Protein backbone atom coordinates (compact mmCIF):
# COMPACT_ATOMS: atom_id res chain seq x y z
CA MET A 1 -37.46 -144.22 93.06
CA GLU A 2 -38.25 -142.75 96.48
CA GLU A 3 -37.74 -139.23 95.19
CA LYS A 4 -39.90 -139.97 92.17
CA VAL A 5 -42.72 -141.25 94.40
CA ARG A 6 -42.47 -138.18 96.66
CA SER A 7 -42.68 -135.89 93.63
CA PHE A 8 -45.65 -137.82 92.28
CA ASN A 9 -47.54 -137.84 95.58
CA SER A 10 -47.04 -134.10 95.97
CA LEU A 11 -48.61 -133.26 92.60
CA PRO A 12 -51.80 -131.17 92.82
CA GLY A 13 -55.05 -132.60 91.51
CA PRO A 14 -57.56 -130.69 89.34
CA ALA A 15 -59.64 -129.94 92.46
CA ASP A 16 -56.62 -128.31 94.12
CA MET A 17 -56.35 -126.01 91.10
CA GLU A 18 -60.12 -125.45 90.97
CA LEU A 19 -60.39 -127.40 87.70
CA PRO A 20 -62.96 -130.15 88.47
CA ASN A 21 -65.45 -129.15 85.78
CA VAL A 22 -62.83 -129.39 83.05
CA PHE A 23 -61.04 -132.59 84.00
CA GLY A 24 -64.09 -134.40 85.39
CA ARG A 25 -62.93 -137.48 87.28
CA ASN A 26 -59.47 -137.14 85.71
CA HIS A 27 -59.53 -140.88 85.03
CA TRP A 28 -56.74 -142.34 82.89
CA VAL A 29 -56.38 -145.61 81.02
CA PHE A 30 -52.82 -146.86 80.52
CA GLY A 31 -51.26 -149.70 78.60
CA VAL A 32 -47.98 -150.85 77.12
CA CYS A 33 -47.40 -151.34 73.41
CA HIS A 34 -44.42 -152.77 71.58
CA VAL A 35 -42.81 -150.67 68.86
CA GLY A 36 -40.75 -152.54 66.26
CA ILE A 37 -38.28 -149.77 65.49
CA LYS A 38 -34.53 -150.19 64.83
CA ASN A 39 -34.05 -150.99 68.50
CA PRO A 40 -37.36 -152.70 69.40
CA SER A 41 -38.78 -151.35 72.63
CA ASP A 42 -41.99 -150.69 74.54
CA ILE A 43 -43.88 -147.44 75.18
CA LEU A 44 -46.29 -146.81 78.02
CA ILE A 45 -49.27 -144.74 76.86
CA ALA A 46 -51.93 -143.19 79.10
CA VAL A 47 -55.16 -141.67 77.77
CA ASN A 48 -57.78 -139.52 79.50
CA PRO A 49 -60.95 -140.47 77.56
CA GLU A 50 -62.96 -137.52 78.89
CA ILE A 51 -60.67 -134.78 77.56
CA ASP A 52 -58.66 -136.66 74.91
CA PHE A 53 -55.30 -136.02 76.58
CA ILE A 54 -52.52 -138.51 75.83
CA LYS A 55 -49.29 -139.13 77.73
CA GLN A 56 -46.48 -141.42 76.72
CA THR A 57 -43.06 -142.38 78.04
CA SER A 58 -39.75 -142.71 76.30
CA PRO A 59 -38.85 -146.17 74.93
CA CYS A 60 -38.39 -148.80 77.64
CA GLN A 61 -38.38 -152.56 78.21
CA ILE A 62 -41.49 -153.96 79.92
CA LEU A 63 -43.19 -156.70 77.90
CA SER A 64 -39.95 -158.65 77.52
CA MET A 65 -39.83 -159.28 81.27
CA PRO A 66 -40.39 -163.03 81.89
CA THR A 67 -42.88 -162.70 84.78
CA THR A 68 -45.97 -160.62 85.55
CA GLN A 69 -44.27 -159.29 88.65
CA GLY A 70 -41.25 -158.24 86.60
CA LYS A 71 -43.49 -156.43 84.12
CA ALA A 72 -45.28 -154.61 86.96
CA GLU A 73 -41.95 -153.56 88.52
CA ALA A 74 -40.85 -152.16 85.15
CA THR A 75 -44.20 -150.47 84.51
CA VAL A 76 -44.65 -148.43 87.71
CA PRO A 77 -41.60 -146.09 87.36
CA HIS A 78 -42.60 -145.22 83.80
CA LEU A 79 -46.24 -144.78 84.82
CA LEU A 80 -45.23 -142.21 87.45
CA ASP A 81 -42.90 -140.52 84.96
CA ALA A 82 -45.80 -140.06 82.54
CA PHE A 83 -47.71 -138.00 85.11
CA LEU A 84 -44.72 -135.95 86.23
CA ILE A 85 -44.83 -134.38 82.75
CA PRO A 86 -46.87 -131.12 82.68
CA GLU A 87 -50.27 -131.06 81.01
CA GLY A 88 -50.71 -129.43 77.64
CA PHE A 89 -48.08 -127.97 75.31
CA ASN A 90 -46.46 -125.54 77.71
CA PRO A 91 -43.42 -126.96 79.58
CA LYS A 92 -44.02 -124.43 82.35
CA ALA A 93 -47.53 -125.75 82.96
CA THR A 94 -48.33 -127.68 86.13
CA ALA A 95 -48.26 -131.48 86.16
CA LEU A 96 -51.41 -132.97 87.68
CA LEU A 97 -52.09 -136.00 89.85
CA PRO A 98 -54.52 -138.45 88.20
CA GLY A 99 -57.84 -138.95 89.94
CA SER A 100 -57.94 -142.68 89.18
CA TRP A 101 -56.66 -145.07 86.57
CA SER A 102 -57.25 -148.37 84.81
CA THR A 103 -54.98 -150.62 82.80
CA LEU A 104 -55.30 -152.32 79.44
CA GLU A 105 -53.26 -155.17 80.93
CA PRO A 106 -55.82 -156.88 83.25
CA GLU A 107 -53.43 -159.72 84.05
CA MET A 108 -51.00 -157.12 85.47
CA ALA A 109 -53.54 -155.06 87.45
CA GLN A 110 -53.04 -156.77 90.82
CA ALA A 111 -49.26 -156.85 90.47
CA ILE A 112 -49.21 -153.14 89.60
CA GLU A 113 -51.42 -152.38 92.62
CA ASP A 114 -49.00 -154.28 94.88
CA GLU A 115 -46.04 -152.45 93.38
CA LEU A 116 -47.69 -149.05 93.89
CA LYS A 117 -48.40 -149.93 97.54
CA ASN A 118 -44.84 -151.17 98.09
CA HIS A 119 -43.44 -147.86 96.88
CA GLY A 120 -45.81 -145.79 99.03
CA VAL A 121 -47.86 -144.22 96.25
CA THR A 122 -50.85 -142.27 97.59
CA PRO A 123 -53.43 -144.90 98.70
CA ALA A 124 -56.24 -143.61 96.46
CA LEU A 125 -54.12 -144.53 93.41
CA CYS A 126 -53.15 -147.99 94.61
CA LYS A 127 -56.41 -149.22 93.12
CA VAL A 128 -56.07 -150.08 89.43
CA GLY A 129 -59.20 -150.71 87.38
CA MET A 130 -59.20 -153.06 84.41
CA VAL A 131 -60.07 -152.51 80.76
CA PHE A 132 -60.65 -155.70 78.80
CA ARG A 133 -59.73 -155.93 75.14
CA GLU A 134 -62.53 -158.35 74.22
CA PRO A 135 -65.98 -156.85 73.51
CA VAL A 136 -68.55 -156.80 76.29
CA LYS A 137 -71.38 -159.30 75.87
CA LEU A 138 -74.86 -157.86 75.45
CA GLY A 139 -76.57 -157.90 78.83
CA ASP A 140 -73.34 -157.60 80.87
CA SER A 141 -73.92 -154.77 83.36
CA THR A 142 -70.47 -154.99 84.98
CA ARG A 143 -68.56 -153.13 82.26
CA CYS A 144 -69.05 -150.11 80.02
CA HIS A 145 -69.90 -151.49 76.57
CA GLY A 146 -68.10 -148.59 74.90
CA CYS A 147 -64.69 -148.32 76.56
CA ARG A 148 -64.93 -151.81 78.16
CA MET A 149 -63.84 -150.54 81.56
CA GLY A 150 -65.29 -152.27 84.61
CA GLN A 151 -67.70 -150.66 87.08
CA ALA A 152 -64.85 -150.41 89.61
CA SER A 153 -63.20 -147.80 87.35
CA PHE A 154 -66.07 -145.35 87.84
CA PHE A 155 -67.43 -143.48 90.83
CA GLU A 156 -70.99 -143.49 89.48
CA ALA A 157 -73.10 -146.47 88.47
CA LEU A 158 -73.14 -147.42 84.79
CA LYS A 159 -76.20 -146.17 82.91
CA ARG A 160 -78.33 -148.54 80.84
CA CYS A 161 -79.29 -147.98 77.20
CA ALA A 162 -82.84 -146.64 77.38
CA GLN A 163 -83.81 -148.23 74.06
CA CYS A 164 -82.85 -151.89 74.47
CA GLY A 165 -81.90 -152.06 78.15
CA ARG A 166 -79.08 -154.52 77.38
CA ALA A 167 -76.03 -152.27 77.15
CA TRP A 168 -74.43 -150.09 79.82
CA TYR A 169 -72.22 -147.01 79.54
CA HIS A 170 -70.27 -144.78 81.91
CA SER A 171 -70.96 -141.59 79.97
CA ARG A 172 -73.11 -140.15 77.22
CA GLY A 173 -70.03 -139.56 75.07
CA CYS A 174 -69.01 -143.21 75.33
CA GLN A 175 -72.50 -144.29 74.34
CA ARG A 176 -72.47 -141.98 71.28
CA ALA A 177 -69.06 -143.22 70.17
CA TYR A 178 -70.13 -146.87 70.43
CA TRP A 179 -73.50 -146.39 68.72
CA ILE A 180 -72.14 -147.35 65.29
CA VAL A 181 -71.45 -150.82 66.76
CA HIS A 182 -74.39 -151.13 69.12
CA LYS A 183 -77.18 -149.91 66.85
CA GLU A 184 -77.64 -153.26 65.10
CA THR A 185 -78.03 -155.26 68.31
CA CYS A 186 -79.94 -152.40 69.94
CA ARG A 187 -82.74 -152.82 67.44
CA ALA A 188 -82.93 -156.59 67.83
CA PRO A 189 -85.47 -157.60 70.50
CA ALA A 190 -84.22 -159.61 73.45
CA ALA A 191 -84.68 -163.38 73.04
CA THR A 192 -86.91 -163.51 76.09
CA ALA A 193 -89.19 -160.70 74.98
CA SER A 194 -92.77 -161.59 74.14
CA PRO A 195 -94.31 -160.33 70.87
CA ALA A 196 -96.46 -157.87 72.80
CA ALA A 197 -93.36 -156.37 74.39
CA VAL A 198 -91.61 -155.66 71.09
CA PHE A 199 -91.97 -152.08 69.87
CA PRO A 200 -90.80 -150.48 66.63
CA PRO A 201 -87.23 -149.19 67.11
CA LYS A 202 -86.61 -145.49 67.53
CA LEU A 203 -84.34 -144.17 64.81
CA ASP A 204 -81.49 -141.87 65.79
CA ALA A 205 -80.84 -138.64 63.88
CA HIS A 206 -78.43 -140.24 61.40
CA ASP A 207 -80.66 -143.16 60.46
CA TYR A 208 -83.77 -141.01 60.20
CA TYR A 209 -82.02 -138.55 57.86
CA THR A 210 -80.70 -141.30 55.59
CA THR A 211 -83.76 -143.57 55.51
CA LYS A 212 -86.95 -141.69 56.43
CA ALA A 213 -86.44 -138.07 55.41
CA PRO A 214 -85.71 -138.82 51.69
CA ASN A 215 -89.09 -140.55 51.45
CA ASP A 216 -91.08 -137.76 53.08
CA PRO A 217 -92.30 -135.22 50.45
CA GLU A 218 -92.11 -132.26 52.85
CA ALA A 219 -88.64 -133.22 54.06
CA ARG A 220 -87.47 -133.85 50.51
CA ASP A 221 -88.63 -130.39 49.37
CA PHE A 222 -86.92 -128.82 52.37
CA MET A 223 -83.68 -130.64 51.54
CA LYS A 224 -83.84 -129.22 48.03
CA SER A 225 -84.12 -125.70 49.44
CA LEU A 226 -80.84 -126.37 51.28
CA CYS A 227 -79.19 -127.86 48.16
CA LEU A 228 -79.19 -131.29 49.79
CA GLU A 229 -80.99 -133.26 47.09
CA ASP A 230 -78.49 -136.14 47.02
CA ASP A 231 -76.83 -135.64 50.38
CA SER A 232 -78.75 -138.31 52.30
CA LYS A 233 -77.04 -140.96 50.18
CA ARG A 234 -73.64 -139.93 51.58
CA GLY A 235 -74.57 -141.07 55.06
CA GLY A 236 -73.50 -138.07 57.13
CA ILE A 237 -75.49 -135.46 59.05
CA GLY A 238 -72.76 -132.83 59.40
CA LEU A 239 -73.63 -131.00 56.19
CA PRO A 240 -77.41 -130.73 56.76
CA LEU A 241 -76.84 -129.64 60.36
CA TYR A 242 -74.46 -126.87 59.29
CA ARG A 243 -76.82 -125.69 56.59
CA LEU A 244 -79.77 -125.59 58.95
CA ILE A 245 -77.77 -123.52 61.41
CA ILE A 246 -76.20 -121.15 58.90
CA THR A 247 -79.60 -120.37 57.36
CA GLY A 248 -81.24 -119.92 60.76
CA GLN A 249 -83.62 -122.84 60.23
CA ASP A 250 -82.33 -125.04 63.08
CA THR A 251 -85.66 -124.80 64.90
CA PRO A 252 -87.18 -127.83 66.66
CA GLU A 253 -89.76 -128.16 63.88
CA LYS A 254 -87.18 -128.24 61.08
CA MET A 255 -84.79 -130.42 63.06
CA ARG A 256 -87.55 -132.98 63.55
CA LEU A 257 -88.39 -132.79 59.86
CA LEU A 258 -84.86 -133.87 58.82
CA PHE A 259 -83.63 -135.83 61.84
CA GLY A 260 -86.79 -137.28 63.36
CA PRO A 261 -88.58 -136.87 66.70
CA ASN A 262 -85.65 -138.33 68.66
CA TYR A 263 -82.95 -136.05 67.23
CA GLY A 264 -82.20 -134.47 70.61
CA THR A 265 -80.83 -137.71 72.04
CA SER A 266 -77.96 -138.04 69.58
CA LEU A 267 -77.61 -134.54 68.15
CA GLU A 268 -78.10 -132.05 70.99
CA GLU A 269 -74.44 -131.52 71.96
CA GLN A 270 -73.24 -131.45 68.34
CA HIS A 271 -75.94 -128.91 67.52
CA GLU A 272 -74.85 -126.63 70.35
CA GLU A 273 -71.18 -126.83 69.41
CA VAL A 274 -71.73 -126.23 65.69
CA ARG A 275 -73.98 -123.24 66.45
CA LEU A 276 -71.25 -121.69 68.58
CA GLN A 277 -68.67 -122.24 65.85
CA CYS A 278 -70.89 -120.53 63.29
CA LEU A 279 -71.70 -117.64 65.65
CA LEU A 280 -67.98 -117.11 66.23
CA GLU A 281 -67.52 -116.59 62.46
CA PRO A 282 -64.09 -118.28 62.28
CA PRO A 283 -61.68 -116.41 59.99
CA PRO A 284 -59.53 -117.88 57.20
CA GLY A 285 -56.66 -119.81 58.73
CA SER A 286 -58.74 -121.44 61.44
CA PRO A 287 -59.57 -125.19 61.28
CA ALA A 288 -63.26 -124.35 61.71
CA HIS A 289 -63.18 -122.06 58.66
CA VAL A 290 -61.62 -124.83 56.57
CA MET A 291 -64.28 -127.27 57.74
CA ILE A 292 -67.13 -124.86 57.01
CA THR A 293 -65.66 -124.18 53.56
CA LYS A 294 -65.57 -127.92 52.88
CA MET A 295 -69.21 -128.06 53.93
CA ASN A 296 -69.94 -125.71 51.00
CA MET A 297 -71.33 -123.10 53.33
CA ASN A 298 -70.75 -120.46 50.65
CA ASP A 299 -73.04 -122.19 48.19
CA SER A 300 -74.93 -119.58 46.19
CA CYS A 301 -78.26 -121.21 47.01
CA LEU A 302 -77.88 -120.41 50.71
CA VAL A 303 -78.67 -117.18 52.50
CA ARG A 304 -76.76 -116.71 55.74
CA ALA A 305 -79.27 -115.88 58.46
CA LEU A 306 -78.07 -117.30 61.78
CA ARG A 307 -80.52 -117.00 64.62
CA PRO A 308 -79.27 -114.46 67.20
CA ALA A 309 -77.19 -115.87 70.04
CA THR A 310 -79.00 -116.62 73.27
CA GLU A 311 -77.82 -115.11 76.55
CA ASP A 312 -75.91 -118.29 77.41
CA GLU A 313 -74.32 -118.37 73.96
CA GLU A 314 -73.32 -114.70 74.28
CA GLY A 315 -71.57 -115.60 77.52
CA MET A 316 -69.69 -118.47 75.90
CA ILE A 317 -68.74 -116.34 72.90
CA ALA A 318 -67.36 -113.64 75.19
CA GLU A 319 -65.33 -116.25 77.06
CA VAL A 320 -63.98 -117.71 73.81
CA ARG A 321 -63.04 -114.27 72.46
CA GLY A 322 -61.23 -113.55 75.69
CA LEU A 323 -59.39 -116.84 75.44
CA GLN A 324 -58.40 -116.14 71.86
CA ALA A 325 -56.86 -112.87 72.99
CA LEU A 326 -54.94 -114.70 75.70
CA ILE A 327 -53.80 -117.44 73.33
CA GLN A 328 -52.58 -114.89 70.83
CA GLY A 329 -50.60 -113.34 73.67
CA ARG A 330 -48.93 -116.71 74.38
CA VAL A 331 -51.03 -117.79 77.34
CA GLY A 332 -49.21 -120.12 79.71
CA ASP A 333 -50.99 -122.60 81.98
CA TRP A 334 -54.36 -123.28 80.32
CA PRO A 335 -55.75 -126.66 81.53
CA GLY A 336 -58.33 -124.91 83.70
CA ILE A 337 -60.13 -123.59 80.66
CA LEU A 338 -59.51 -126.52 78.34
CA LEU A 339 -63.03 -126.91 76.96
CA SER A 340 -63.36 -123.25 76.02
CA TYR A 341 -59.75 -123.28 74.83
CA SER A 342 -60.49 -126.09 72.39
CA LEU A 343 -63.37 -124.16 70.86
CA ALA A 344 -61.31 -120.97 70.77
CA VAL A 345 -58.43 -122.63 68.91
CA ARG A 346 -60.70 -124.23 66.33
CA THR A 347 -62.23 -120.86 65.44
CA MET A 348 -59.16 -118.61 65.26
CA ASP A 349 -56.56 -117.90 62.60
CA GLN A 350 -53.57 -120.09 63.49
CA ARG A 351 -51.30 -119.33 60.54
CA ARG A 352 -49.15 -116.89 62.50
CA PHE A 353 -48.29 -119.70 64.96
CA GLY A 354 -47.53 -122.30 62.31
CA TRP A 355 -50.08 -124.65 63.90
CA TRP A 356 -52.25 -124.99 60.81
CA LEU A 357 -51.50 -125.40 57.14
CA PRO A 358 -54.48 -124.26 55.03
């Protein structure tokens, strides 16, 4: 165990490798789940919510331990093992030290902290945040309402929902992901609010497209020009967004026409990413090409007329093209360029690698 702790403590962090913008806080959430296979066992799983990385250990015995202390003692060695595994798909890549972590087992948090201290794990990681499985109550400002992690798990203060002021989130992405749950309570006025303080709710892009746009004559005619006559009934905004972009009509005026005056709040990042995918013109064999094909982008009623790339988009496209060349040449250690890598992979032909089955 001493050697394992020394190896763990000596791991470089993203900042040491000049990767802070990609890995963010490098915060991980870990928990133990029971797998009822032929020989029932437990698996420790750690997830980085910011970059969607997942780590897991080999089968072990943790939850069967009779005491909390026993479970913590069994958890720590496997937790360290999970982070001694290199990032990404390349076994030659560098393993990275987590920036911070939280556990899905709140009752074990203190015992795990004590165990980490007893083994001499780097002090910064002897603090274990807690993620609670039960939903956060509306008005509770001590936990992120999306991922349910407590304020202690984050370096920055939680940010309040600007619309209702009764939900808090640690990131914009977490707020977007939780919107499908929160939107009903977000619209309901607080019990203590006076009638004069209640304002009509602001519709997000999805709700505006499915409820308001179909009843607006101008919007309805515009939807017909994009072959979207019945699309609003399906409930998604992916197809209209793609068609606006591919026809070069994704201007603020047209975006407001279909998605409402508040479209930027919930659609800005998706708009930017989809535009880049279309500008990259993904070839057959790439996941992005399959997705665009499913979006009926080749419909005969559409005329491809993408707006020219901006200077910033040209820079991103050049970076992605460069990454695609590196990936095709079997690039090795790539965590430092993960965000661009992800976009590059989704817009390249992967059939030669066997990564994608069309």
